[in-house]
Amino acid sequence: MDPLNSSSSSEDSNDQKRFSSVLITTFTTVFLAELGDKTQVATLLLTAQSGKPLVVFVGSSLALICSSLVGVLLGRWIATKMPAERFNYMAGILMVGIGLLLGIQSINGLILSHNAV
């Protein structure tokens, strides 16, 4: 048995496991993040209004692909400009900031709707 071939086979197996792991993690994360969000509600409404589910599906799928492409390209560029640890830290701060902003907007909306009654 050639040790060079077994090493190459082991590396191929590791590459396949990494590919599968990244693919499954990405799919699960994006799928769960998109469930019940404004985009899904908009797609639901567009389908109900237009009566053309296939056209809405194609349009919304292309939009998700394009927005994902922007994220991938931007992520790849950022990865060349800063260490992963710093990027993770900044992404965490951004997500917390967005969450706080959305929470404040929701509270303000509740207060305004309560005052209007």
PDB file of N, CA and C in Angstrom:
ATOM      1  N   MET A   1       0.850  -1.186   0.000  1.00  0.00           N
ATOM      2  CA  MET A   1       0.000   0.000   0.000  1.00  0.00           C
ATOM      3  C   MET A   1       0.881   1.230   0.000  1.00  0.00           C
ATOM      4  N   ASP A   2       0.590   2.164  -0.863  1.00  0.00           N
ATOM      5  CA  ASP A   2       1.376   3.388  -1.015  1.00  0.00           C
ATOM      6  C   ASP A   2       0.942   4.420   0.018  1.00  0.00           C
ATOM      7  N   PRO A   3       1.855   4.854   0.911  1.00  0.00           N
ATOM      8  CA  PRO A   3       1.479   5.824   1.938  1.00  0.00           C
ATOM      9  C   PRO A   3       1.048   7.167   1.353  1.00  0.00           C
ATOM     10  N   LEU A   4       1.542   7.531   0.188  1.00  0.00           N
ATOM     11  CA  LEU A   4       1.141   8.797  -0.418  1.00  0.00           C
ATOM     12  C   LEU A   4      -0.331   8.766  -0.817  1.00  0.00           C
ATOM     13  N   ASN A   5      -0.775   7.642  -1.363  1.00  0.00           N
ATOM     14  CA  ASN A   5      -2.168   7.534  -1.777  1.00  0.00           C
ATOM     15  C   ASN A   5      -3.112   7.506  -0.589  1.00  0.00           C
ATOM     16  N   SER A   6      -2.729   6.844   0.528  1.00  0.00           N
ATOM     17  CA  SER A   6      -3.615   6.807   1.689  1.00  0.00           C
ATOM     18  C   SER A   6      -3.726   8.191   2.322  1.00  0.00           C
ATOM     19  N   SER A   7      -2.649   8.975   2.297  1.00  0.00           N
ATOM     20  CA  SER A   7      -2.703  10.339   2.831  1.00  0.00           C
ATOM     21  C   SER A   7      -3.614  11.207   1.982  1.00  0.00           C
ATOM     22  N   SER A   8      -3.512  11.058   0.679  1.00  0.00           N
ATOM     23  CA  SER A   8      -4.351  11.827  -0.228  1.00  0.00           C
ATOM     24  C   SER A   8      -5.822  11.449  -0.035  1.00  0.00           C
ATOM     25  N   SER A   9      -6.084  10.174   0.152  1.00  0.00           N
ATOM     26  CA  SER A   9      -7.448   9.716   0.377  1.00  0.00           C
ATOM     27  C   SER A   9      -7.987  10.277   1.681  1.00  0.00           C
ATOM     28  N   SER A  10      -7.140  10.330   2.702  1.00  0.00           N
ATOM     29  CA  SER A  10      -7.541  10.889   3.991  1.00  0.00           C
ATOM     30  C   SER A  10      -7.851  12.377   3.870  1.00  0.00           C
ATOM     31  N   GLU A  11      -7.043  13.109   3.095  1.00  0.00           N
ATOM     32  CA  GLU A  11      -7.281  14.537   2.889  1.00  0.00           C
ATOM     33  C   GLU A  11      -8.571  14.764   2.114  1.00  0.00           C
ATOM     34  N   ASP A  12      -8.841  13.918   1.106  1.00  0.00           N
ATOM     35  CA  ASP A  12     -10.085  14.027   0.346  1.00  0.00           C
ATOM     36  C   ASP A  12     -11.288  13.795   1.260  1.00  0.00           C
ATOM     37  N   SER A  13     -11.172  12.810   2.143  1.00  0.00           N
ATOM     38  CA  SER A  13     -12.246  12.503   3.074  1.00  0.00           C
ATOM     39  C   SER A  13     -12.483  13.674   4.026  1.00  0.00           C
ATOM     40  N   ASN A  14     -11.400  14.295   4.516  1.00  0.00           N
ATOM     41  CA  ASN A  14     -11.527  15.455   5.404  1.00  0.00           C
ATOM     42  C   ASN A  14     -12.138  16.644   4.669  1.00  0.00           C
ATOM     43  N   ASP A  15     -11.731  16.860   3.417  1.00  0.00           N
ATOM     44  CA  ASP A  15     -12.309  17.945   2.615  1.00  0.00           C
ATOM     45  C   ASP A  15     -13.805  17.719   2.417  1.00  0.00           C
ATOM     46  N   GLN A  16     -14.190  16.473   2.149  1.00  0.00           N
ATOM     47  CA  GLN A  16     -15.605  16.146   1.946  1.00  0.00           C
ATOM     48  C   GLN A  16     -16.389  16.381   3.234  1.00  0.00           C
ATOM     49  N   LYS A  17     -15.832  16.010   4.379  1.00  0.00           N
ATOM     50  CA  LYS A  17     -16.512  16.227   5.661  1.00  0.00           C
ATOM     51  C   LYS A  17     -16.656  17.715   5.947  1.00  0.00           C
ATOM     52  N   ARG A  18     -15.597  18.498   5.663  1.00  0.00           N
ATOM     53  CA  ARG A  18     -15.675  19.949   5.874  1.00  0.00           C
ATOM     54  C   ARG A  18     -16.716  20.569   4.954  1.00  0.00           C
ATOM     55  N   PHE A  19     -16.731  20.147   3.693  1.00  0.00           N
ATOM     56  CA  PHE A  19     -17.710  20.651   2.733  1.00  0.00           C
ATOM     57  C   PHE A  19     -19.124  20.353   3.220  1.00  0.00           C
ATOM     58  N   SER A  20     -19.370  19.114   3.604  1.00  0.00           N
ATOM     59  CA  SER A  20     -20.696  18.718   4.084  1.00  0.00           C
ATOM     60  C   SER A  20     -21.086  19.499   5.329  1.00  0.00           C
ATOM     61  N   SER A  21     -20.144  19.662   6.238  1.00  0.00           N
ATOM     62  CA  SER A  21     -20.422  20.377   7.474  1.00  0.00           C
ATOM     63  C   SER A  21     -20.784  21.835   7.216  1.00  0.00           C
ATOM     64  N   VAL A  22     -20.011  22.495   6.361  1.00  0.00           N
ATOM     65  CA  VAL A  22     -20.285  23.898   6.030  1.00  0.00           C
ATOM     66  C   VAL A  22     -21.612  24.018   5.292  1.00  0.00           C
ATOM     67  N   LEU A  23     -21.869  23.102   4.352  1.00  0.00           N
ATOM     68  CA  LEU A  23     -23.115  23.133   3.596  1.00  0.00           C
ATOM     69  C   LEU A  23     -24.333  22.963   4.505  1.00  0.00           C
ATOM     70  N   ILE A  24     -24.284  21.983   5.382  1.00  0.00           N
ATOM     71  CA  ILE A  24     -25.414  21.720   6.284  1.00  0.00           C
ATOM     72  C   ILE A  24     -25.601  22.877   7.266  1.00  0.00           C
ATOM     73  N   THR A  25     -24.516  23.390   7.808  1.00  0.00           N
ATOM     74  CA  THR A  25     -24.605  24.513   8.740  1.00  0.00           C
ATOM     75  C   THR A  25     -25.168  25.747   8.056  1.00  0.00           C
ATOM     76  N   THR A  26     -24.704  26.039   6.854  1.00  0.00           N
ATOM     77  CA  THR A  26     -25.189  27.206   6.114  1.00  0.00           C
ATOM     78  C   THR A  26     -26.667  27.056   5.789  1.00  0.00           C
ATOM     79  N   PHE A  27     -27.050  25.894   5.269  1.00  0.00           N
ATOM     80  CA  PHE A  27     -28.457  25.676   4.928  1.00  0.00           C
ATOM     81  C   PHE A  27     -29.347  25.839   6.153  1.00  0.00           C
ATOM     82  N   THR A  28     -28.983  25.187   7.235  1.00  0.00           N
ATOM     83  CA  THR A  28     -29.799  25.232   8.450  1.00  0.00           C
ATOM     84  C   THR A  28     -29.911  26.651   8.997  1.00  0.00           C
ATOM     85  N   THR A  29     -28.791  27.358   9.053  1.00  0.00           N
ATOM     86  CA  THR A  29     -28.792  28.720   9.583  1.00  0.00           C
ATOM     87  C   THR A  29     -29.662  29.650   8.741  1.00  0.00           C
ATOM     88  N   VAL A  30     -29.469  29.630   7.427  1.00  0.00           N
ATOM     89  CA  VAL A  30     -30.236  30.524   6.552  1.00  0.00           C
ATOM     90  C   VAL A  30     -31.708  30.123   6.538  1.00  0.00           C
ATOM     91  N   PHE A  31     -31.986  28.834   6.476  1.00  0.00           N
ATOM     92  CA  PHE A  31     -33.375  28.374   6.450  1.00  0.00           C
ATOM     93  C   PHE A  31     -34.113  28.820   7.707  1.00  0.00           C
ATOM     94  N   LEU A  32     -33.527  28.598   8.869  1.00  0.00           N
ATOM     95  CA  LEU A  32     -34.179  28.985  10.122  1.00  0.00           C
ATOM     96  C   LEU A  32     -34.279  30.501  10.261  1.00  0.00           C
ATOM     97  N   ALA A  33     -33.264  31.223   9.799  1.00  0.00           N
ATOM     98  CA  ALA A  33     -33.294  32.681   9.892  1.00  0.00           C
ATOM     99  C   ALA A  33     -34.378  33.277   9.001  1.00  0.00           C
ATOM    100  N   GLU A  34     -34.664  32.633   7.884  1.00  0.00           N
ATOM    101  CA  GLU A  34     -35.640  33.161   6.940  1.00  0.00           C
ATOM    102  C   GLU A  34     -37.076  32.784   7.298  1.00  0.00           C
ATOM    103  N   LEU A  35     -37.258  31.770   8.137  1.00  0.00           N
ATOM    104  CA  LEU A  35     -38.623  31.361   8.492  1.00  0.00           C
ATOM    105  C   LEU A  35     -39.330  32.470   9.256  1.00  0.00           C
ATOM    106  N   GLY A  36     -40.479  32.851   8.772  1.00  0.00           N
ATOM    107  CA  GLY A  36     -41.306  33.812   9.485  1.00  0.00           C
ATOM    108  C   GLY A  36     -40.822  35.246   9.448  1.00  0.00           C
ATOM    109  N   ASP A  37     -39.831  35.555   8.645  1.00  0.00           N
ATOM    110  CA  ASP A  37     -39.357  36.938   8.585  1.00  0.00           C
ATOM    111  C   ASP A  37     -40.193  37.733   7.582  1.00  0.00           C
ATOM    112  N   LYS A  38     -39.896  39.007   7.469  1.00  0.00           N
ATOM    113  CA  LYS A  38     -40.676  39.882   6.587  1.00  0.00           C
ATOM    114  C   LYS A  38     -40.611  39.431   5.129  1.00  0.00           C
ATOM    115  N   THR A  39     -39.489  38.873   4.724  1.00  0.00           N
ATOM    116  CA  THR A  39     -39.359  38.413   3.339  1.00  0.00           C
ATOM    117  C   THR A  39     -40.325  37.269   3.056  1.00  0.00           C
ATOM    118  N   GLN A  40     -40.442  36.351   3.993  1.00  0.00           N
ATOM    119  CA  GLN A  40     -41.354  35.229   3.786  1.00  0.00           C
ATOM    120  C   GLN A  40     -42.804  35.707   3.771  1.00  0.00           C
ATOM    121  N   VAL A  41     -43.144  36.632   4.643  1.00  0.00           N
ATOM    122  CA  VAL A  41     -44.503  37.179   4.661  1.00  0.00           C
ATOM    123  C   VAL A  41     -44.787  37.913   3.344  1.00  0.00           C
ATOM    124  N   ALA A  42     -43.803  38.687   2.864  1.00  0.00           N
ATOM    125  CA  ALA A  42     -43.978  39.391   1.589  1.00  0.00           C
ATOM    126  C   ALA A  42     -44.179  38.400   0.453  1.00  0.00           C
ATOM    127  N   THR A  43     -43.419  37.327   0.449  1.00  0.00           N
ATOM    128  CA  THR A  43     -43.561  36.300  -0.589  1.00  0.00           C
ATOM    129  C   THR A  43     -44.944  35.665  -0.517  1.00  0.00           C
ATOM    130  N   LEU A  44     -45.404  35.386   0.681  1.00  0.00           N
ATOM    131  CA  LEU A  44     -46.729  34.823   0.871  1.00  0.00           C
ATOM    132  C   LEU A  44     -47.802  35.766   0.310  1.00  0.00           C
ATOM    133  N   LEU A  45     -47.685  37.048   0.644  1.00  0.00           N
ATOM    134  CA  LEU A  45     -48.662  38.028   0.170  1.00  0.00           C
ATOM    135  C   LEU A  45     -48.601  38.195  -1.349  1.00  0.00           C
ATOM    136  N   LEU A  46     -47.397  38.246  -1.912  1.00  0.00           N
ATOM    137  CA  LEU A  46     -47.260  38.372  -3.364  1.00  0.00           C
ATOM    138  C   LEU A  46     -47.874  37.174  -4.089  1.00  0.00           C
ATOM    139  N   THR A  47     -47.692  35.994  -3.517  1.00  0.00           N
ATOM    140  CA  THR A  47     -48.281  34.797  -4.121  1.00  0.00           C
ATOM    141  C   THR A  47     -49.804  34.870  -4.066  1.00  0.00           C
ATOM    142  N   ALA A  48     -50.333  35.272  -2.920  1.00  0.00           N
ATOM    143  CA  ALA A  48     -51.792  35.368  -2.777  1.00  0.00           C
ATOM    144  C   ALA A  48     -52.369  36.431  -3.708  1.00  0.00           C
ATOM    145  N   GLN A  49     -51.692  37.555  -3.852  1.00  0.00           N
ATOM    146  CA  GLN A  49     -52.197  38.644  -4.694  1.00  0.00           C
ATOM    147  C   GLN A  49     -52.082  38.340  -6.184  1.00  0.00           C
ATOM    148  N   SER A  50     -50.956  37.753  -6.567  1.00  0.00           N
ATOM    149  CA  SER A  50     -50.727  37.537  -8.003  1.00  0.00           C
ATOM    150  C   SER A  50     -51.377  36.270  -8.522  1.00  0.00           C
ATOM    151  N   GLY A  51     -51.526  35.293  -7.648  1.00  0.00           N
ATOM    152  CA  GLY A  51     -52.041  34.005  -8.102  1.00  0.00           C
ATOM    153  C   GLY A  51     -51.062  33.259  -8.983  1.00  0.00           C
ATOM    154  N   LYS A  52     -49.797  33.657  -8.950  1.00  0.00           N
ATOM    155  CA  LYS A  52     -48.768  33.028  -9.783  1.00  0.00           C
ATOM    156  C   LYS A  52     -47.618  32.542  -8.870  1.00  0.00           C
ATOM    157  N   PRO A  53     -47.841  31.429  -8.176  1.00  0.00           N
ATOM    158  CA  PRO A  53     -46.838  30.967  -7.201  1.00  0.00           C
ATOM    159  C   PRO A  53     -45.483  30.635  -7.826  1.00  0.00           C
ATOM    160  N   LEU A  54     -45.459  30.076  -9.025  1.00  0.00           N
ATOM    161  CA  LEU A  54     -44.182  29.712  -9.647  1.00  0.00           C
ATOM    162  C   LEU A  54     -43.357  30.958  -9.956  1.00  0.00           C
ATOM    163  N   VAL A  55     -44.003  31.994 -10.476  1.00  0.00           N
ATOM    164  CA  VAL A  55     -43.296  33.238 -10.803  1.00  0.00           C
ATOM    165  C   VAL A  55     -42.765  33.892  -9.533  1.00  0.00           C
ATOM    166  N   VAL A  56     -43.586  33.910  -8.478  1.00  0.00           N
ATOM    167  CA  VAL A  56     -43.153  34.496  -7.205  1.00  0.00           C
ATOM    168  C   VAL A  56     -42.005  33.675  -6.622  1.00  0.00           C
ATOM    169  N   PHE A  57     -42.095  32.345  -6.723  1.00  0.00           N
ATOM    170  CA  PHE A  57     -41.023  31.486  -6.222  1.00  0.00           C
ATOM    171  C   PHE A  57     -39.710  31.770  -6.938  1.00  0.00           C
ATOM    172  N   VAL A  58     -39.766  31.863  -8.264  1.00  0.00           N
ATOM    173  CA  VAL A  58     -38.543  32.135  -9.044  1.00  0.00           C
ATOM    174  C   VAL A  58     -37.981  33.509  -8.674  1.00  0.00           C
ATOM    175  N   GLY A  59     -38.849  34.518  -8.615  1.00  0.00           N
ATOM    176  CA  GLY A  59     -38.384  35.868  -8.276  1.00  0.00           C
ATOM    177  C   GLY A  59     -37.789  35.945  -6.879  1.00  0.00           C
ATOM    178  N   SER A  60     -38.461  35.349  -5.904  1.00  0.00           N
ATOM    179  CA  SER A  60     -37.943  35.412  -4.532  1.00  0.00           C
ATOM    180  C   SER A  60     -36.681  34.569  -4.383  1.00  0.00           C
ATOM    181  N   SER A  61     -36.604  33.453  -5.094  1.00  0.00           N
ATOM    182  CA  SER A  61     -35.391  32.624  -5.051  1.00  0.00           C
ATOM    183  C   SER A  61     -34.195  33.366  -5.634  1.00  0.00           C
ATOM    184  N   LEU A  62     -34.403  34.025  -6.767  1.00  0.00           N
ATOM    185  CA  LEU A  62     -33.319  34.805  -7.382  1.00  0.00           C
ATOM    186  C   LEU A  62     -32.875  35.946  -6.459  1.00  0.00           C
ATOM    187  N   ALA A  63     -33.847  36.574  -5.795  1.00  0.00           N
ATOM    188  CA  ALA A  63     -33.506  37.662  -4.869  1.00  0.00           C
ATOM    189  C   ALA A  63     -32.669  37.137  -3.701  1.00  0.00           C
ATOM    190  N   LEU A  64     -33.040  35.973  -3.160  1.00  0.00           N
ATOM    191  CA  LEU A  64     -32.271  35.399  -2.054  1.00  0.00           C
ATOM    192  C   LEU A  64     -30.873  35.000  -2.516  1.00  0.00           C
ATOM    193  N   ILE A  65     -30.784  34.453  -3.709  1.00  0.00           N
ATOM    194  CA  ILE A  65     -29.472  34.078  -4.254  1.00  0.00           C
ATOM    195  C   ILE A  65     -28.599  35.319  -4.412  1.00  0.00           C
ATOM    196  N   CYS A  66     -29.153  36.391  -4.949  1.00  0.00           N
ATOM    197  CA  CYS A  66     -28.370  37.620  -5.155  1.00  0.00           C
ATOM    198  C   CYS A  66     -27.938  38.246  -3.827  1.00  0.00           C
ATOM    199  N   SER A  67     -28.846  38.280  -2.855  1.00  0.00           N
ATOM    200  CA  SER A  67     -28.466  38.860  -1.562  1.00  0.00           C
ATOM    201  C   SER A  67     -27.439  37.973  -0.857  1.00  0.00           C
ATOM    202  N   SER A  68     -27.551  36.658  -1.040  1.00  0.00           N
ATOM    203  CA  SER A  68     -26.554  35.749  -0.465  1.00  0.00           C
ATOM    204  C   SER A  68     -25.199  35.934  -1.143  1.00  0.00           C
ATOM    205  N   LEU A  69     -25.206  36.168  -2.450  1.00  0.00           N
ATOM    206  CA  LEU A  69     -23.960  36.408  -3.180  1.00  0.00           C
ATOM    207  C   LEU A  69     -23.252  37.652  -2.635  1.00  0.00           C
ATOM    208  N   VAL A  70     -24.025  38.700  -2.377  1.00  0.00           N
ATOM    209  CA  VAL A  70     -23.438  39.916  -1.795  1.00  0.00           C
ATOM    210  C   VAL A  70     -22.794  39.582  -0.447  1.00  0.00           C
ATOM    211  N   GLY A  71     -23.495  38.808   0.378  1.00  0.00           N
ATOM    212  CA  GLY A  71     -22.949  38.417   1.682  1.00  0.00           C
ATOM    213  C   GLY A  71     -21.677  37.597   1.558  1.00  0.00           C
ATOM    214  N   VAL A  72     -21.668  36.651   0.622  1.00  0.00           N
ATOM    215  CA  VAL A  72     -20.483  35.807   0.419  1.00  0.00           C
ATOM    216  C   VAL A  72     -19.296  36.637  -0.063  1.00  0.00           C
ATOM    217  N   LEU A  73     -19.522  37.492  -1.053  1.00  0.00           N
ATOM    218  CA  LEU A  73     -18.426  38.311  -1.586  1.00  0.00           C
ATOM    219  C   LEU A  73     -17.907  39.294  -0.536  1.00  0.00           C
ATOM    220  N   LEU A  74     -18.815  39.909   0.192  1.00  0.00           N
ATOM    221  CA  LEU A  74     -18.405  40.834   1.241  1.00  0.00           C
ATOM    222  C   LEU A  74     -17.674  40.095   2.365  1.00  0.00           C
ATOM    223  N   GLY A  75     -18.184  38.925   2.721  1.00  0.00           N
ATOM    224  CA  GLY A  75     -17.518  38.120   3.755  1.00  0.00           C
ATOM    225  C   GLY A  75     -16.123  37.692   3.346  1.00  0.00           C
ATOM    226  N   ARG A  76     -15.970  37.308   2.100  1.00  0.00           N
ATOM    227  CA  ARG A  76     -14.641  36.906   1.611  1.00  0.00           C
ATOM    228  C   ARG A  76     -13.681  38.097   1.622  1.00  0.00           C
ATOM    229  N   TRP A  77     -14.167  39.274   1.216  1.00  0.00           N
ATOM    230  CA  TRP A  77     -13.322  40.471   1.216  1.00  0.00           C
ATOM    231  C   TRP A  77     -12.930  40.841   2.650  1.00  0.00           C
ATOM    232  N   ILE A  78     -13.899  40.797   3.563  1.00  0.00           N
ATOM    233  CA  ILE A  78     -13.605  41.136   4.964  1.00  0.00           C
ATOM    234  C   ILE A  78     -12.593  40.158   5.548  1.00  0.00           C
ATOM    235  N   ALA A  79     -12.692  38.884   5.173  1.00  0.00           N
ATOM    236  CA  ALA A  79     -11.765  37.868   5.688  1.00  0.00           C
ATOM    237  C   ALA A  79     -10.326  38.167   5.291  1.00  0.00           C
ATOM    238  N   THR A  80     -10.125  38.877   4.190  1.00  0.00           N
ATOM    239  CA  THR A  80      -8.760  39.222   3.778  1.00  0.00           C
ATOM    240  C   THR A  80      -8.260  40.480   4.484  1.00  0.00           C
ATOM    241  N   LYS A  81      -9.172  41.228   5.107  1.00  0.00           N
ATOM    242  CA  LYS A  81      -8.798  42.511   5.707  1.00  0.00           C
ATOM    243  C   LYS A  81      -8.653  42.473   7.220  1.00  0.00           C
ATOM    244  N   MET A  82      -9.265  41.480   7.887  1.00  0.00           N
ATOM    245  CA  MET A  82      -9.168  41.433   9.343  1.00  0.00           C
ATOM    246  C   MET A  82      -9.207  39.994   9.837  1.00  0.00           C
ATOM    247  N   PRO A  83      -8.683  39.773  11.032  1.00  0.00           N
ATOM    248  CA  PRO A  83      -8.694  38.415  11.596  1.00  0.00           C
ATOM    249  C   PRO A  83     -10.132  37.958  11.892  1.00  0.00           C
ATOM    250  N   ALA A  84     -10.340  36.644  11.835  1.00  0.00           N
ATOM    251  CA  ALA A  84     -11.672  36.073  12.049  1.00  0.00           C
ATOM    252  C   ALA A  84     -12.212  36.410  13.437  1.00  0.00           C
ATOM    253  N   GLU A  85     -11.350  36.417  14.453  1.00  0.00           N
ATOM    254  CA  GLU A  85     -11.808  36.719  15.821  1.00  0.00           C
ATOM    255  C   GLU A  85     -12.394  38.124  15.908  1.00  0.00           C
ATOM    256  N   ARG A  86     -11.728  39.090  15.311  1.00  0.00           N
ATOM    257  CA  ARG A  86     -12.216  40.466  15.346  1.00  0.00           C
ATOM    258  C   ARG A  86     -13.531  40.578  14.582  1.00  0.00           C
ATOM    259  N   PHE A  87     -13.608  39.903  13.430  1.00  0.00           N
ATOM    260  CA  PHE A  87     -14.827  39.931  12.641  1.00  0.00           C
ATOM    261  C   PHE A  87     -15.992  39.316  13.417  1.00  0.00           C
ATOM    262  N   ASN A  88     -15.754  38.191  14.099  1.00  0.00           N
ATOM    263  CA  ASN A  88     -16.798  37.564  14.911  1.00  0.00           C
ATOM    264  C   ASN A  88     -17.270  38.510  16.006  1.00  0.00           C
ATOM    265  N   TYR A  89     -16.341  39.181  16.651  1.00  0.00           N
ATOM    266  CA  TYR A  89     -16.663  40.127  17.710  1.00  0.00           C
ATOM    267  C   TYR A  89     -17.510  41.277  17.156  1.00  0.00           C
ATOM    268  N   MET A  90     -17.088  41.840  16.027  1.00  0.00           N
ATOM    269  CA  MET A  90     -17.821  42.954  15.426  1.00  0.00           C
ATOM    270  C   MET A  90     -19.209  42.505  14.935  1.00  0.00           C
ATOM    271  N   ALA A  91     -19.294  41.304  14.381  1.00  0.00           N
ATOM    272  CA  ALA A  91     -20.585  40.781  13.928  1.00  0.00           C
ATOM    273  C   ALA A  91     -21.522  40.596  15.116  1.00  0.00           C
ATOM    274  N   GLY A  92     -20.992  40.125  16.224  1.00  0.00           N
ATOM    275  CA  GLY A  92     -21.799  39.968  17.437  1.00  0.00           C
ATOM    276  C   GLY A  92     -22.326  41.298  17.934  1.00  0.00           C
ATOM    277  N   ILE A  93     -21.464  42.300  17.953  1.00  0.00           N
ATOM    278  CA  ILE A  93     -21.889  43.636  18.377  1.00  0.00           C
ATOM    279  C   ILE A  93     -22.962  44.172  17.425  1.00  0.00           C
ATOM    280  N   LEU A  94     -22.773  43.977  16.133  1.00  0.00           N
ATOM    281  CA  LEU A  94     -23.752  44.434  15.146  1.00  0.00           C
ATOM    282  C   LEU A  94     -25.105  43.748  15.357  1.00  0.00           C
ATOM    283  N   MET A  95     -25.098  42.442  15.587  1.00  0.00           N
ATOM    284  CA  MET A  95     -26.350  41.713  15.793  1.00  0.00           C
ATOM    285  C   MET A  95     -27.061  42.174  17.063  1.00  0.00           C
ATOM    286  N   VAL A  96     -26.313  42.393  18.132  1.00  0.00           N
ATOM    287  CA  VAL A  96     -26.912  42.897  19.375  1.00  0.00           C
ATOM    288  C   VAL A  96     -27.486  44.294  19.137  1.00  0.00           C
ATOM    289  N   GLY A  97     -26.732  45.140  18.407  1.00  0.00           N
ATOM    290  CA  GLY A  97     -27.205  46.491  18.103  1.00  0.00           C
ATOM    291  C   GLY A  97     -28.489  46.475  17.288  1.00  0.00           C
ATOM    292  N   ILE A  98     -28.540  45.609  16.277  1.00  0.00           N
ATOM    293  CA  ILE A  98     -29.753  45.498  15.458  1.00  0.00           C
ATOM    294  C   ILE A  98     -30.921  45.009  16.320  1.00  0.00           C
ATOM    295  N   GLY A  99     -30.666  44.037  17.174  1.00  0.00           N
ATOM    296  CA  GLY A  99     -31.710  43.526  18.065  1.00  0.00           C
ATOM    297  C   GLY A  99     -32.245  44.608  18.985  1.00  0.00           C
ATOM    298  N   LEU A 100     -31.336  45.405  19.549  1.00  0.00           N
ATOM    299  CA  LEU A 100     -31.768  46.508  20.418  1.00  0.00           C
ATOM    300  C   LEU A 100     -32.572  47.543  19.645  1.00  0.00           C
ATOM    301  N   LEU A 101     -32.111  47.890  18.453  1.00  0.00           N
ATOM    302  CA  LEU A 101     -32.824  48.858  17.629  1.00  0.00           C
ATOM    303  C   LEU A 101     -34.228  48.360  17.286  1.00  0.00           C
ATOM    304  N   LEU A 102     -34.348  47.102  16.887  1.00  0.00           N
ATOM    305  CA  LEU A 102     -35.662  46.540  16.582  1.00  0.00           C
ATOM    306  C   LEU A 102     -36.552  46.489  17.819  1.00  0.00           C
ATOM    307  N   GLY A 103     -35.953  46.171  18.968  1.00  0.00           N
ATOM    308  CA  GLY A 103     -36.713  46.155  20.218  1.00  0.00           C
ATOM    309  C   GLY A 103     -37.234  47.537  20.581  1.00  0.00           C
ATOM    310  N   ILE A 104     -36.394  48.547  20.424  1.00  0.00           N
ATOM    311  CA  ILE A 104     -36.807  49.932  20.710  1.00  0.00           C
ATOM    312  C   ILE A 104     -37.918  50.356  19.756  1.00  0.00           C
ATOM    313  N   GLN A 105     -37.779  50.010  18.465  1.00  0.00           N
ATOM    314  CA  GLN A 105     -38.824  50.345  17.497  1.00  0.00           C
ATOM    315  C   GLN A 105     -40.139  49.660  17.846  1.00  0.00           C
ATOM    316  N   SER A 106     -40.082  48.426  18.294  1.00  0.00           N
ATOM    317  CA  SER A 106     -41.295  47.706  18.673  1.00  0.00           C
ATOM    318  C   SER A 106     -41.960  48.350  19.880  1.00  0.00           C
ATOM    319  N   ILE A 107     -41.167  48.706  20.862  1.00  0.00           N
ATOM    320  CA  ILE A 107     -41.708  49.350  22.065  1.00  0.00           C
ATOM    321  C   ILE A 107     -42.338  50.687  21.696  1.00  0.00           C
ATOM    322  N   ASN A 108     -41.660  51.477  20.865  1.00  0.00           N
ATOM    323  CA  ASN A 108     -42.215  52.759  20.419  1.00  0.00           C
ATOM    324  C   ASN A 108     -43.527  52.548  19.662  1.00  0.00           C
ATOM    325  N   GLY A 109     -43.588  51.523  18.826  1.00  0.00           N
ATOM    326  CA  GLY A 109     -44.818  51.216  18.090  1.00  0.00           C
ATOM    327  C   GLY A 109     -45.952  50.852  19.029  1.00  0.00           C
ATOM    328  N   LEU A 110     -45.627  50.073  20.062  1.00  0.00           N
ATOM    329  CA  LEU A 110     -46.665  49.710  21.046  1.00  0.00           C
ATOM    330  C   LEU A 110     -47.160  50.932  21.808  1.00  0.00           C
ATOM    331  N   ILE A 111     -46.222  51.790  22.182  1.00  0.00           N
ATOM    332  CA  ILE A 111     -46.587  52.991  22.924  1.00  0.00           C
ATOM    333  C   ILE A 111     -47.468  53.888  22.043  1.00  0.00           C
ATOM    334  N   LEU A 112     -47.069  54.079  20.793  1.00  0.00           N
ATOM    335  CA  LEU A 112     -47.860  54.922  19.886  1.00  0.00           C
ATOM    336  C   LEU A 112     -49.244  54.334  19.638  1.00  0.00           C
ATOM    337  N   SER A 113     -49.327  53.016  19.434  1.00  0.00           N
ATOM    338  CA  SER A 113     -50.633  52.409  19.192  1.00  0.00           C
ATOM    339  C   SER A 113     -51.496  52.450  20.445  1.00  0.00           C
ATOM    340  N   HIS A 114     -50.890  52.341  21.615  1.00  0.00           N
ATOM    341  CA  HIS A 114     -51.652  52.418  22.873  1.00  0.00           C
ATOM    342  C   HIS A 114     -52.159  53.837  23.097  1.00  0.00           C
ATOM    343  N   ASN A 115     -51.346  54.838  22.771  1.00  0.00           N
ATOM    344  CA  ASN A 115     -51.763  56.234  22.928  1.00  0.00           C
ATOM    345  C   ASN A 115     -52.839  56.623  21.924  1.00  0.00           C
ATOM    346  N   ALA A 116     -52.852  55.968  20.751  1.00  0.00           N
ATOM    347  CA  ALA A 116     -53.837  56.289  19.718  1.00  0.00           C
ATOM    348  C   ALA A 116     -55.217  55.781  20.098  1.00  0.00           C
ATOM    349  N   VAL A 117     -55.272  54.786  20.970  1.00  0.00           N
ATOM    350  CA  VAL A 117     -56.562  54.208  21.381  1.00  0.00           C
ATOM    351  C   VAL A 117     -57.191  55.019  22.398  1.00  0.00           C
TER     352      VAL A 117
END
